[in-house]
Amino acid sequence: MRRFLLLRLAQAGIVTLVVGAACFALMRMLPGDPAMRIAAGRYGPDAQIAQAAERVRLELGLDRPLAVQFLDWLGDLARFDLGHSLVTGAPVLEELKVQLGASAWLAFWAVAVSLLIGPLAGVLAGMRPGGMADRAGLALSIGLRAVPPFLLALGLMLVFAVGLRLLPAAGYGTARQMVLPALTLGLGLAAVSSRVTRNAVATVTHAPHYLFARHKGLPEAALIRRHGLRNAATPVIAYLGVQAIYLVEGVVVVESIFAFPGIGHALVHAIVERDVPMVQGTALVMGLMFVAITAMVDAITAWLDPRPRSA
């Protein structure tokens, strides 16, 4: 366990350094003057915008060499200080606390939707490979994965919000406003997890220990409950780590479409406004979220299947 934790801490440190440096470099490579854009956002595009931009440049230290700015950011990060937003002036950490909470709820319900739909459909398909349930599940899975998240979000919005008027099209704060964004992300996750579950169940049901238990006369329900689910769950849980990439990417798109005040929505606005500390802090948190999710998946996988740990 000590080695596992040290390895994950080292990965988090590498992610912090790489993501911070990449965001800093990419934001500086964008065309235009960041001080001019920030001044226009604060004071409006009036006749004194050049003087206002110069004041912003001096106030925020944008006139200093880039290496000095980056080293200052690393020093602040070592003190767990992500700086202040260049646009609002609020501490980045305080803004991220609110946005991360909203994104965490969205991710939780998206994974819940995925686990409710995907594994169940995969078990039904894997019990009879090549059957009607298997072929229908394959067609549905391919269709859902072929549709981009933004197109799926717009389709659900048109059906349930505009057509049937059952759910709100955007917003945050109520359970009904959470349904469409969570369903958009959850369906994409379930499309792949169902096929992973199907392949795992089909493999387990043809394993020698499973066939021996069937020859002993155990009913099919007891077979899958006692000898199938735990063995089939290992690759499904392991694939959640891969799904975390899709989840982090999808959050940016889905939150922007549904006006969801999460970390992905904040990242888009920070890039548009050239708010470098906010971009660095947001991307850093999203990278660390991925490290945390993969660490959790590895721990659960080791608990389900102790053979690699014993080896």
Protein backbone atom coordinates (compact mmCIF):
# COMPACT_ATOMS: atom_id res chain seq x y z
CA MET A 1 0.00 0.00 0.00
CA ARG A 2 2.88 2.38 0.77
CA ARG A 3 4.42 1.74 -2.64
CA PHE A 4 1.03 2.22 -4.31
CA LEU A 5 0.47 5.58 -2.59
CA LEU A 6 3.98 6.82 -3.36
CA LEU A 7 3.56 5.89 -7.01
CA ARG A 8 0.27 7.76 -7.24
CA LEU A 9 1.74 10.82 -5.51
CA ALA A 10 4.60 10.80 -8.00
CA GLN A 11 2.11 10.59 -10.87
CA ALA A 12 0.14 13.51 -9.42
CA GLY A 13 3.33 15.57 -9.21
CA ILE A 14 4.22 14.84 -12.83
CA VAL A 15 0.68 15.67 -13.95
CA THR A 16 0.84 18.95 -12.03
CA LEU A 17 4.09 20.01 -13.65
CA VAL A 18 3.20 18.93 -17.20
CA VAL A 19 -0.34 20.35 -17.18
CA GLY A 20 0.77 23.63 -15.62
CA ALA A 21 3.61 24.11 -18.10
CA ALA A 22 1.44 23.14 -21.10
CA CYS A 23 -1.38 25.50 -20.12
CA PHE A 24 1.05 28.35 -19.46
CA ALA A 25 2.75 27.90 -22.85
CA LEU A 26 -0.45 27.43 -24.85
CA MET A 27 -2.15 30.46 -23.33
CA ARG A 28 0.89 32.62 -24.16
CA MET A 29 0.85 31.33 -27.75
CA LEU A 30 -2.69 32.57 -28.38
CA PRO A 31 -2.85 35.62 -30.66
CA GLY A 32 -3.64 39.03 -29.22
CA ASP A 33 -2.72 40.93 -26.09
CA PRO A 34 -4.07 39.32 -22.90
CA ALA A 35 -3.88 42.65 -21.02
CA MET A 36 -5.99 44.30 -23.72
CA ARG A 37 -8.63 41.56 -23.52
CA ILE A 38 -8.75 41.65 -19.70
CA ALA A 39 -9.00 45.45 -19.70
CA ALA A 40 -11.84 45.32 -22.23
CA GLY A 41 -13.68 42.83 -20.04
CA ARG A 42 -13.22 44.97 -16.94
CA TYR A 43 -13.75 48.48 -18.26
CA GLY A 44 -15.36 48.04 -21.65
CA PRO A 45 -13.93 48.83 -25.11
CA ASP A 46 -13.81 52.62 -24.68
CA ALA A 47 -11.33 55.19 -25.95
CA GLN A 48 -9.02 54.70 -22.95
CA ILE A 49 -8.57 50.98 -23.49
CA ALA A 50 -4.83 51.30 -24.22
CA GLN A 51 -4.16 53.08 -20.92
CA ALA A 52 -6.38 50.59 -19.07
CA ALA A 53 -4.51 47.68 -20.64
CA GLU A 54 -1.19 49.15 -19.52
CA ARG A 55 -2.48 49.47 -15.95
CA VAL A 56 -3.69 45.84 -16.05
CA ARG A 57 -0.31 44.71 -17.40
CA LEU A 58 1.54 46.37 -14.53
CA GLU A 59 -1.00 45.27 -11.92
CA LEU A 60 -0.88 41.60 -12.90
CA GLY A 61 2.83 41.45 -13.68
CA LEU A 62 2.27 40.58 -17.33
CA ASP A 63 5.21 42.80 -18.27
CA ARG A 64 7.69 40.48 -16.55
CA PRO A 65 9.59 37.73 -18.45
CA LEU A 66 7.59 34.57 -19.06
CA ALA A 67 10.10 32.42 -17.17
CA VAL A 68 9.71 34.60 -14.08
CA GLN A 69 5.92 34.40 -14.30
CA PHE A 70 6.01 30.62 -14.59
CA LEU A 71 8.47 30.21 -11.70
CA ASP A 72 6.26 32.44 -9.55
CA TRP A 73 3.29 30.21 -10.40
CA LEU A 74 5.25 27.10 -9.41
CA GLY A 75 6.24 28.73 -6.12
CA ASP A 76 2.63 29.61 -5.37
CA LEU A 77 1.58 26.07 -6.27
CA ALA A 78 4.09 24.64 -3.79
CA ARG A 79 2.22 26.66 -1.13
CA PHE A 80 -1.14 25.34 -2.47
CA ASP A 81 -1.94 28.79 -3.81
CA LEU A 82 -3.37 28.76 -7.34
CA GLY A 83 -3.41 32.53 -7.52
CA HIS A 84 -6.24 34.90 -8.35
CA SER A 85 -8.41 35.15 -11.42
CA LEU A 86 -7.18 37.83 -13.79
CA VAL A 87 -10.76 38.76 -14.63
CA THR A 88 -12.72 38.62 -11.36
CA GLY A 89 -9.83 38.96 -8.91
CA ALA A 90 -11.25 36.14 -6.77
CA PRO A 91 -8.98 33.33 -5.54
CA VAL A 92 -8.88 30.52 -8.10
CA LEU A 93 -9.13 27.90 -5.36
CA GLU A 94 -12.37 29.38 -4.02
CA GLU A 95 -13.98 29.44 -7.47
CA LEU A 96 -12.85 25.89 -8.18
CA LYS A 97 -14.44 24.61 -4.96
CA VAL A 98 -17.88 25.64 -6.20
CA GLN A 99 -17.34 24.50 -9.79
CA LEU A 100 -15.76 21.19 -8.81
CA GLY A 101 -18.72 20.37 -6.58
CA ALA A 102 -21.14 20.81 -9.48
CA SER A 103 -18.96 18.74 -11.83
CA ALA A 104 -18.52 16.02 -9.22
CA TRP A 105 -22.29 15.64 -8.89
CA LEU A 106 -22.65 15.49 -12.67
CA ALA A 107 -19.89 12.88 -12.95
CA PHE A 108 -21.42 10.83 -10.11
CA TRP A 109 -24.84 10.66 -11.74
CA ALA A 110 -23.34 9.99 -15.18
CA VAL A 111 -21.42 7.00 -13.82
CA ALA A 112 -24.55 5.86 -11.96
CA VAL A 113 -26.56 5.96 -15.22
CA SER A 114 -23.77 4.06 -16.95
CA LEU A 115 -23.63 1.36 -14.27
CA LEU A 116 -27.42 0.97 -14.25
CA ILE A 117 -27.67 0.50 -18.02
CA GLY A 118 -24.35 -0.84 -19.33
CA PRO A 119 -23.55 -3.85 -17.10
CA LEU A 120 -27.15 -5.09 -17.06
CA ALA A 121 -27.35 -5.01 -20.86
CA GLY A 122 -23.92 -6.62 -21.06
CA VAL A 123 -24.87 -9.49 -18.75
CA LEU A 124 -28.00 -10.23 -20.78
CA ALA A 125 -26.00 -10.19 -24.02
CA GLY A 126 -23.10 -12.20 -22.61
CA MET A 127 -25.31 -15.01 -21.31
CA ARG A 128 -26.29 -15.85 -24.91
CA PRO A 129 -23.58 -14.61 -27.33
CA GLY A 130 -24.92 -14.17 -30.82
CA GLY A 131 -28.53 -13.98 -29.67
CA MET A 132 -31.09 -11.25 -30.24
CA ALA A 133 -30.07 -9.33 -27.10
CA ASP A 134 -26.42 -9.49 -28.12
CA ARG A 135 -27.03 -8.23 -31.66
CA ALA A 136 -29.40 -5.48 -30.51
CA GLY A 137 -26.93 -4.39 -27.82
CA LEU A 138 -24.10 -4.25 -30.34
CA ALA A 139 -26.11 -2.10 -32.77
CA LEU A 140 -27.21 0.27 -30.00
CA SER A 141 -23.71 0.51 -28.60
CA ILE A 142 -22.19 1.36 -31.98
CA GLY A 143 -24.89 3.95 -32.59
CA LEU A 144 -24.38 5.69 -29.25
CA ARG A 145 -20.60 5.76 -29.55
CA ALA A 146 -20.78 7.07 -33.11
CA VAL A 147 -22.83 10.09 -32.01
CA PRO A 148 -20.68 12.96 -30.63
CA PRO A 149 -21.64 14.10 -27.10
CA PHE A 150 -22.77 17.54 -28.27
CA LEU A 151 -25.10 16.01 -30.88
CA LEU A 152 -26.53 13.56 -28.35
CA ALA A 153 -27.07 16.44 -25.92
CA LEU A 154 -28.92 18.48 -28.55
CA GLY A 155 -31.05 15.48 -29.50
CA LEU A 156 -32.08 14.81 -25.90
CA MET A 157 -32.78 18.51 -25.43
CA LEU A 158 -35.01 18.63 -28.49
CA VAL A 159 -36.97 15.51 -27.47
CA PHE A 160 -37.40 15.94 -23.71
CA ALA A 161 -37.21 19.73 -23.28
CA VAL A 162 -38.59 21.20 -26.50
CA GLY A 163 -40.85 18.40 -27.78
CA LEU A 164 -42.26 16.69 -24.69
CA ARG A 165 -41.56 19.58 -22.25
CA LEU A 166 -40.76 17.11 -19.50
CA LEU A 167 -37.36 18.46 -18.47
CA PRO A 168 -35.63 21.85 -18.46
CA ALA A 169 -33.23 22.50 -21.31
CA ALA A 170 -30.49 24.04 -19.15
CA GLY A 171 -29.64 25.25 -15.68
CA TYR A 172 -28.45 23.90 -12.37
CA GLY A 173 -29.88 23.53 -8.88
CA THR A 174 -32.65 20.94 -9.11
CA ALA A 175 -32.78 17.22 -9.76
CA ARG A 176 -34.72 17.72 -13.00
CA GLN A 177 -31.98 19.97 -14.37
CA MET A 178 -29.43 17.21 -13.69
CA VAL A 179 -31.21 14.55 -15.76
CA LEU A 180 -30.30 15.58 -19.32
CA PRO A 181 -26.59 16.30 -18.74
CA ALA A 182 -26.15 13.09 -16.71
CA LEU A 183 -28.04 11.08 -19.33
CA THR A 184 -25.88 12.53 -22.11
CA LEU A 185 -22.65 11.47 -20.41
CA GLY A 186 -24.07 8.24 -18.98
CA LEU A 187 -25.33 6.88 -22.30
CA GLY A 188 -21.92 7.34 -23.89
CA LEU A 189 -20.27 5.51 -21.00
CA ALA A 190 -22.89 2.74 -20.98
CA ALA A 191 -22.42 2.09 -24.70
CA VAL A 192 -18.88 0.84 -24.14
CA SER A 193 -19.27 -0.65 -20.66
CA SER A 194 -22.09 -2.87 -21.95
CA ARG A 195 -19.78 -4.44 -24.54
CA VAL A 196 -16.95 -4.84 -22.03
CA THR A 197 -19.39 -6.57 -19.67
CA ARG A 198 -20.72 -8.73 -22.49
CA ASN A 199 -17.23 -9.96 -23.42
CA ALA A 200 -16.32 -10.57 -19.77
CA VAL A 201 -19.53 -12.54 -19.08
CA ALA A 202 -19.12 -14.58 -22.27
CA THR A 203 -15.56 -15.47 -21.23
CA VAL A 204 -16.56 -16.41 -17.69
CA THR A 205 -19.48 -18.58 -18.78
CA HIS A 206 -17.10 -20.69 -20.87
CA ALA A 207 -14.47 -20.99 -18.15
CA PRO A 208 -13.83 -24.49 -16.67
CA HIS A 209 -14.93 -23.56 -13.14
CA TYR A 210 -18.21 -22.15 -14.45
CA LEU A 211 -18.91 -25.20 -16.63
CA PHE A 212 -18.11 -27.50 -13.70
CA ALA A 213 -20.57 -25.64 -11.47
CA ARG A 214 -23.22 -25.95 -14.19
CA HIS A 215 -22.63 -29.72 -14.46
CA LYS A 216 -23.16 -29.99 -10.71
CA GLY A 217 -26.72 -28.83 -11.29
CA LEU A 218 -26.65 -25.24 -10.03
CA PRO A 219 -29.43 -23.09 -11.55
CA GLU A 220 -28.39 -20.36 -13.97
CA ALA A 221 -29.28 -17.52 -11.58
CA ALA A 222 -27.09 -18.99 -8.84
CA LEU A 223 -24.30 -19.62 -11.34
CA ILE A 224 -24.09 -16.06 -12.51
CA ARG A 225 -24.50 -14.68 -8.97
CA ARG A 226 -21.88 -16.91 -7.29
CA HIS A 227 -19.35 -17.59 -10.03
CA GLY A 228 -19.95 -15.05 -12.78
CA LEU A 229 -20.50 -11.52 -11.52
CA ARG A 230 -17.32 -11.04 -9.48
CA ASN A 231 -15.09 -12.54 -12.16
CA ALA A 232 -16.79 -10.50 -14.88
CA ALA A 233 -16.69 -7.32 -12.80
CA THR A 234 -12.88 -7.07 -12.82
CA PRO A 235 -12.45 -5.90 -16.46
CA VAL A 236 -15.57 -3.73 -16.19
CA ILE A 237 -14.22 -1.88 -13.15
CA ALA A 238 -10.79 -1.65 -14.78
CA TYR A 239 -12.37 -0.03 -17.82
CA LEU A 240 -13.80 2.73 -15.63
CA GLY A 241 -10.30 4.18 -15.57
CA VAL A 242 -10.38 4.46 -19.36
CA GLN A 243 -13.89 5.89 -19.20
CA ALA A 244 -12.57 8.65 -16.95
CA ILE A 245 -10.90 10.15 -20.04
CA TYR A 246 -14.24 10.23 -21.85
CA LEU A 247 -15.88 11.66 -18.74
CA VAL A 248 -13.37 14.50 -18.36
CA GLU A 249 -13.62 15.35 -22.06
CA GLY A 250 -17.39 15.11 -22.11
CA VAL A 251 -17.82 17.35 -19.08
CA VAL A 252 -16.35 20.31 -21.00
CA VAL A 253 -18.78 19.90 -23.91
CA VAL A 254 -21.90 18.91 -21.96
CA GLU A 255 -21.56 21.63 -19.32
CA SER A 256 -21.19 24.28 -22.01
CA ILE A 257 -24.31 23.09 -23.86
CA PHE A 258 -26.52 22.84 -20.78
CA ALA A 259 -25.14 26.02 -19.12
CA PHE A 260 -24.01 23.85 -16.21
CA PRO A 261 -21.77 25.85 -13.82
CA GLY A 262 -19.09 23.20 -13.51
CA ILE A 263 -15.38 23.03 -14.02
CA GLY A 264 -15.63 22.31 -17.76
CA HIS A 265 -17.83 25.35 -18.34
CA ALA A 266 -15.40 27.46 -16.32
CA LEU A 267 -12.46 26.22 -18.41
CA VAL A 268 -14.11 27.32 -21.65
CA HIS A 269 -14.84 30.82 -20.31
CA ALA A 270 -11.34 31.14 -18.85
CA ILE A 271 -9.77 30.31 -22.24
CA VAL A 272 -11.96 32.86 -24.01
CA GLU A 273 -11.11 35.54 -21.44
CA ARG A 274 -7.37 34.64 -21.42
CA ASP A 275 -7.54 34.08 -17.66
CA VAL A 276 -4.26 32.15 -17.30
CA PRO A 277 -4.42 31.31 -13.56
CA MET A 278 -7.98 30.07 -13.96
CA VAL A 279 -7.06 27.93 -16.98
CA GLN A 280 -4.06 26.46 -15.19
CA GLY A 281 -6.02 25.75 -12.00
CA THR A 282 -8.97 24.23 -13.83
CA ALA A 283 -6.86 22.00 -16.08
CA LEU A 284 -4.73 21.01 -13.11
CA VAL A 285 -7.76 19.91 -11.10
CA MET A 286 -9.13 17.94 -14.05
CA GLY A 287 -5.79 16.17 -14.47
CA LEU A 288 -5.61 15.32 -10.77
CA MET A 289 -9.20 14.06 -10.93
CA PHE A 290 -8.09 11.58 -13.58
CA VAL A 291 -5.20 10.39 -11.39
CA ALA A 292 -7.55 9.98 -8.41
CA ILE A 293 -10.12 8.03 -10.44
CA THR A 294 -7.52 5.65 -11.85
CA ALA A 295 -6.07 5.10 -8.36
CA MET A 296 -9.53 4.27 -7.03
CA VAL A 297 -10.16 1.89 -9.93
CA ASP A 298 -6.85 0.11 -9.31
CA ALA A 299 -7.69 -0.32 -5.61
CA ILE A 300 -11.15 -1.76 -6.34
CA THR A 301 -9.73 -4.08 -9.00
CA ALA A 302 -7.13 -5.40 -6.56
CA TRP A 303 -9.90 -6.06 -4.03
CA LEU A 304 -12.04 -7.92 -6.58
CA ASP A 305 -9.18 -10.01 -7.97
CA PRO A 306 -6.41 -10.65 -5.41
CA ARG A 307 -4.34 -12.82 -7.79
CA PRO A 308 -2.08 -10.02 -9.13
CA ARG A 309 -1.53 -8.76 -5.56
CA SER A 310 -0.61 -12.27 -4.38
CA ALA A 311 1.79 -12.71 -7.30
